[in-house]
Amino acid sequence: MPRTTQLRTYTVKEGLLDEWVARWRDEIVPLRLELGFEIGGAWVDRERNRFVWLIAYEGPELFAERNALYWASAQRKAMDLDPDDYLVSTDDRTVEPQQF
């Protein structure tokens, strides 16, 4: 299967950016890595209350199939983490690397 990379931009509710980042780092990232995803980096834009990160997957399934497995997993459900509690909006874009 081809490698798929997504650039994800989240607008976080006022006052919750640091809490969101901590939960993402401590809970979401380990499970994503366990399921074969790669994290290409993460950035905070405090001025706009945004969190931006790169996630990639290259494996036997399509990205969407592996992502569905992540959301359906017992580990994800055990997090008791509803993105709607933290995020105002999300923008997920599939991107391709370019030579420069």
C-alpha atoms as a PDB file:
ATOM      1  CA  MET A   1       0.000   0.000   0.000  1.00  0.00           C
ATOM      2  CA  PRO A   2       1.162   3.556  -0.595  1.00  0.00           C
ATOM      3  CA  ARG A   3       2.286   5.804   2.222  1.00  0.00           C
ATOM      4  CA  THR A   4      -0.353   8.315   3.297  1.00  0.00           C
ATOM      5  CA  THR A   5       0.501  11.440   5.268  1.00  0.00           C
ATOM      6  CA  GLN A   6      -2.007  13.812   6.782  1.00  0.00           C
ATOM      7  CA  LEU A   7      -1.444  17.339   8.012  1.00  0.00           C
ATOM      8  CA  ARG A   8      -3.899  17.900  10.839  1.00  0.00           C
ATOM      9  CA  THR A   9      -4.744  21.337  12.182  1.00  0.00           C
ATOM     10  CA  TYR A  10      -6.922  21.582  15.273  1.00  0.00           C
ATOM     11  CA  THR A  11      -8.364  24.739  16.750  1.00  0.00           C
ATOM     12  CA  VAL A  12      -8.494  24.126  20.492  1.00  0.00           C
ATOM     13  CA  LYS A  13     -10.979  25.632  22.923  1.00  0.00           C
ATOM     14  CA  GLU A  14      -9.711  28.649  24.823  1.00  0.00           C
ATOM     15  CA  GLY A  15      -7.680  27.667  27.888  1.00  0.00           C
ATOM     16  CA  LEU A  16      -7.358  23.985  26.966  1.00  0.00           C
ATOM     17  CA  LEU A  17      -4.366  23.976  24.606  1.00  0.00           C
ATOM     18  CA  ASP A  18      -1.787  22.739  27.112  1.00  0.00           C
ATOM     19  CA  GLU A  19      -4.138  20.083  28.487  1.00  0.00           C
ATOM     20  CA  TRP A  20      -4.927  18.908  24.943  1.00  0.00           C
ATOM     21  CA  VAL A  21      -1.224  18.693  24.045  1.00  0.00           C
ATOM     22  CA  ALA A  22      -0.454  16.702  27.192  1.00  0.00           C
ATOM     23  CA  ARG A  23      -3.247  14.205  26.543  1.00  0.00           C
ATOM     24  CA  TRP A  24      -2.280  13.925  22.866  1.00  0.00           C
ATOM     25  CA  ARG A  25       1.368  13.270  23.790  1.00  0.00           C
ATOM     26  CA  ASP A  26       0.681  10.900  26.686  1.00  0.00           C
ATOM     27  CA  GLU A  27      -2.336   8.968  25.406  1.00  0.00           C
ATOM     28  CA  ILE A  28      -2.903   9.356  21.673  1.00  0.00           C
ATOM     29  CA  VAL A  29       0.680   9.175  20.403  1.00  0.00           C
ATOM     30  CA  PRO A  30       1.607   5.869  22.114  1.00  0.00           C
ATOM     31  CA  LEU A  31      -1.472   4.115  20.714  1.00  0.00           C
ATOM     32  CA  ARG A  32      -0.962   5.575  17.236  1.00  0.00           C
ATOM     33  CA  LEU A  33       2.642   4.321  17.261  1.00  0.00           C
ATOM     34  CA  GLU A  34       1.572   0.911  18.548  1.00  0.00           C
ATOM     35  CA  LEU A  35      -0.835   0.624  15.612  1.00  0.00           C
ATOM     36  CA  GLY A  36       1.875   1.409  13.054  1.00  0.00           C
ATOM     37  CA  PHE A  37       1.346   5.119  12.496  1.00  0.00           C
ATOM     38  CA  GLU A  38       4.264   7.536  12.373  1.00  0.00           C
ATOM     39  CA  ILE A  39       4.192  11.012  13.874  1.00  0.00           C
ATOM     40  CA  GLY A  40       6.178  13.432  11.730  1.00  0.00           C
ATOM     41  CA  GLY A  41       6.071  16.321  14.165  1.00  0.00           C
ATOM     42  CA  ALA A  42       3.752  18.535  16.170  1.00  0.00           C
ATOM     43  CA  TRP A  43       3.539  22.288  16.657  1.00  0.00           C
ATOM     44  CA  VAL A  44       1.563  24.710  18.811  1.00  0.00           C
ATOM     45  CA  ASP A  45       0.362  28.066  17.477  1.00  0.00           C
ATOM     46  CA  ARG A  46      -0.574  29.798  20.728  1.00  0.00           C
ATOM     47  CA  GLU A  47      -1.632  33.021  19.022  1.00  0.00           C
ATOM     48  CA  ARG A  48      -4.407  31.183  17.165  1.00  0.00           C
ATOM     49  CA  ASN A  49      -4.984  28.455  19.778  1.00  0.00           C
ATOM     50  CA  ARG A  50      -4.051  25.809  17.218  1.00  0.00           C
ATOM     51  CA  PHE A  51      -2.335  22.461  17.356  1.00  0.00           C
ATOM     52  CA  VAL A  52      -0.775  21.148  14.128  1.00  0.00           C
ATOM     53  CA  TRP A  53       0.684  17.699  13.551  1.00  0.00           C
ATOM     54  CA  LEU A  54       1.733  15.241  10.858  1.00  0.00           C
ATOM     55  CA  ILE A  55       0.616  11.622  10.936  1.00  0.00           C
ATOM     56  CA  ALA A  56       1.546   8.960   8.376  1.00  0.00           C
ATOM     57  CA  TYR A  57       0.770   5.318   7.724  1.00  0.00           C
ATOM     58  CA  GLU A  58       2.260   2.841   5.285  1.00  0.00           C
ATOM     59  CA  GLY A  59       1.169  -0.735   5.725  1.00  0.00           C
ATOM     60  CA  PRO A  60      -1.090  -3.516   4.535  1.00  0.00           C
ATOM     61  CA  GLU A  61      -4.271  -1.450   4.919  1.00  0.00           C
ATOM     62  CA  LEU A  62      -5.342   1.917   3.645  1.00  0.00           C
ATOM     63  CA  PHE A  63      -4.889   4.861   6.003  1.00  0.00           C
ATOM     64  CA  ALA A  64      -8.669   5.110   6.475  1.00  0.00           C
ATOM     65  CA  GLU A  65      -8.919   1.429   7.410  1.00  0.00           C
ATOM     66  CA  ARG A  66      -6.087   1.688   9.938  1.00  0.00           C
ATOM     67  CA  ASN A  67      -7.575   4.893  11.314  1.00  0.00           C
ATOM     68  CA  ALA A  68     -10.915   3.120  11.813  1.00  0.00           C
ATOM     69  CA  LEU A  69      -9.060   0.378  13.699  1.00  0.00           C
ATOM     70  CA  TYR A  70      -7.548   3.045  15.975  1.00  0.00           C
ATOM     71  CA  TRP A  71     -10.960   4.547  16.768  1.00  0.00           C
ATOM     72  CA  ALA A  72     -12.562   1.127  17.350  1.00  0.00           C
ATOM     73  CA  SER A  73      -9.783  -0.170  19.607  1.00  0.00           C
ATOM     74  CA  ALA A  74     -10.420  -0.907  23.274  1.00  0.00           C
ATOM     75  CA  GLN A  75      -7.371   1.204  24.154  1.00  0.00           C
ATOM     76  CA  ARG A  76      -8.846   4.273  22.433  1.00  0.00           C
ATOM     77  CA  LYS A  77     -12.204   3.795  24.125  1.00  0.00           C
ATOM     78  CA  ALA A  78     -10.487   3.391  27.514  1.00  0.00           C
ATOM     79  CA  MET A  79      -8.910   6.863  27.153  1.00  0.00           C
ATOM     80  CA  ASP A  80     -12.259   8.481  27.902  1.00  0.00           C
ATOM     81  CA  LEU A  81     -11.117  11.295  25.629  1.00  0.00           C
ATOM     82  CA  ASP A  82     -13.762  12.987  23.493  1.00  0.00           C
ATOM     83  CA  PRO A  83     -12.132  15.392  21.026  1.00  0.00           C
ATOM     84  CA  ASP A  84     -15.269  17.552  21.152  1.00  0.00           C
ATOM     85  CA  ASP A  85     -14.398  18.401  24.762  1.00  0.00           C
ATOM     86  CA  TYR A  86     -11.214  20.094  23.524  1.00  0.00           C
ATOM     87  CA  LEU A  87     -11.500  20.962  19.846  1.00  0.00           C
ATOM     88  CA  VAL A  88     -13.483  23.718  18.163  1.00  0.00           C
ATOM     89  CA  SER A  89     -12.628  22.484  14.673  1.00  0.00           C
ATOM     90  CA  THR A  90     -10.348  20.127  12.784  1.00  0.00           C
ATOM     91  CA  ASP A  91      -8.838  20.289   9.315  1.00  0.00           C
ATOM     92  CA  ASP A  92      -7.261  17.051   8.052  1.00  0.00           C
ATOM     93  CA  ARG A  93      -5.483  17.197   4.704  1.00  0.00           C
ATOM     94  CA  THR A  94      -3.688  14.438   2.862  1.00  0.00           C
ATOM     95  CA  VAL A  95      -0.339  15.802   1.705  1.00  0.00           C
ATOM     96  CA  GLU A  96       2.537  14.552  -0.452  1.00  0.00           C
ATOM     97  CA  PRO A  97       6.246  15.296   0.014  1.00  0.00           C
ATOM     98  CA  GLN A  98       7.964  17.357  -2.647  1.00  0.00           C
ATOM     99  CA  GLN A  99      11.630  17.599  -3.584  1.00  0.00           C
ATOM    100  CA  PHE A 100      13.309  20.974  -3.232  1.00  0.00           C
END
